[in-house]
């Protein structure tokens, strides 16, 4: 997956927001 780094960054932010 090319969006591997972006996914990790977005996932971390989403986890904190939830």
PDB file of N, CA and C in Angstrom:
ATOM      1  N   UNK A   1       0.855  -1.211   0.000  1.00  0.00           N
ATOM      2  CA  UNK A   1       0.000   0.000   0.000  1.00  0.00           C
ATOM      3  C   UNK A   1       0.882   1.250   0.000  1.00  0.00           C
ATOM      4  N   UNK A   2       0.564   2.177  -0.857  1.00  0.00           N
ATOM      5  CA  UNK A   2       1.376   3.410  -0.917  1.00  0.00           C
ATOM      6  C   UNK A   2       1.001   4.352   0.233  1.00  0.00           C
ATOM      7  N   UNK A   3      -0.231   4.268   0.681  1.00  0.00           N
ATOM      8  CA  UNK A   3      -0.656   5.169   1.785  1.00  0.00           C
ATOM      9  C   UNK A   3      -0.414   4.496   3.140  1.00  0.00           C
ATOM     10  N   UNK A   4       0.721   3.835   3.250  1.00  0.00           N
ATOM     11  CA  UNK A   4       1.013   3.127   4.523  1.00  0.00           C
ATOM     12  C   UNK A   4       1.324   4.149   5.615  1.00  0.00           C
ATOM     13  N   UNK A   5       2.180   5.120   5.302  1.00  0.00           N
ATOM     14  CA  UNK A   5       2.559   6.130   6.322  1.00  0.00           C
ATOM     15  C   UNK A   5       1.348   7.025   6.615  1.00  0.00           C
ATOM     16  N   UNK A   6       0.678   7.476   5.597  1.00  0.00           N
ATOM     17  CA  UNK A   6      -0.482   8.373   5.823  1.00  0.00           C
ATOM     18  C   UNK A   6      -1.541   7.644   6.654  1.00  0.00           C
ATOM     19  N   UNK A   7      -1.744   6.392   6.339  1.00  0.00           N
ATOM     20  CA  UNK A   7      -2.768   5.617   7.077  1.00  0.00           C
ATOM     21  C   UNK A   7      -2.398   5.566   8.561  1.00  0.00           C
ATOM     22  N   UNK A   8      -1.143   5.305   8.846  1.00  0.00           N
ATOM     23  CA  UNK A   8      -0.700   5.200  10.254  1.00  0.00           C
ATOM     24  C   UNK A   8      -0.932   6.542  10.944  1.00  0.00           C
ATOM     25  N   UNK A   9      -0.611   7.627  10.280  1.00  0.00           N
ATOM     26  CA  UNK A   9      -0.770   8.960  10.906  1.00  0.00           C
ATOM     27  C   UNK A   9      -2.262   9.238  11.114  1.00  0.00           C
ATOM     28  N   UNK A  10      -3.072   9.015  10.105  1.00  0.00           N
ATOM     29  CA  UNK A  10      -4.514   9.288  10.235  1.00  0.00           C
ATOM     30  C   UNK A  10      -5.134   8.376  11.281  1.00  0.00           C
ATOM     31  N   UNK A  11      -4.721   7.117  11.287  1.00  0.00           N
ATOM     32  CA  UNK A  11      -5.265   6.160  12.266  1.00  0.00           C
ATOM     33  C   UNK A  11      -4.973   6.629  13.682  1.00  0.00           C
ATOM     34  N   UNK A  12      -3.767   7.087  13.940  1.00  0.00           N
ATOM     35  CA  UNK A  12      -3.408   7.535  15.293  1.00  0.00           C
ATOM     36  C   UNK A  12      -4.267   8.734  15.690  1.00  0.00           C
ATOM     37  N   UNK A  13      -4.433   9.661  14.782  1.00  0.00           N
ATOM     38  CA  UNK A  13      -5.252  10.850  15.108  1.00  0.00           C
ATOM     39  C   UNK A  13      -6.705  10.448  15.332  1.00  0.00           C
ATOM     40  N   UNK A  14      -7.208   9.561  14.508  1.00  0.00           N
ATOM     41  CA  UNK A  14      -8.618   9.142  14.650  1.00  0.00           C
ATOM     42  C   UNK A  14      -8.803   8.412  15.977  1.00  0.00           C
ATOM     43  N   UNK A  15      -7.828   7.619  16.349  1.00  0.00           N
ATOM     44  CA  UNK A  15      -7.929   6.854  17.616  1.00  0.00           C
ATOM     45  C   UNK A  15      -8.033   7.841  18.784  1.00  0.00           C
ATOM     46  N   UNK A  16      -7.256   8.920  18.736  1.00  0.00           N
ATOM     47  CA  UNK A  16      -7.282   9.891  19.848  1.00  0.00           C
ATOM     48  C   UNK A  16      -8.619  10.633  19.848  1.00  0.00           C
ATOM     49  N   UNK A  17      -9.128  10.945  18.674  1.00  0.00           N
ATOM     50  CA  UNK A  17     -10.400  11.689  18.594  1.00  0.00           C
ATOM     51  C   UNK A  17     -11.543  10.823  19.120  1.00  0.00           C
ATOM     52  N   UNK A  18     -11.520   9.550  18.781  1.00  0.00           N
ATOM     53  CA  UNK A  18     -12.612   8.658  19.220  1.00  0.00           C
ATOM     54  C   UNK A  18     -12.581   8.500  20.726  1.00  0.00           C
TER      55      UNK A  18
END
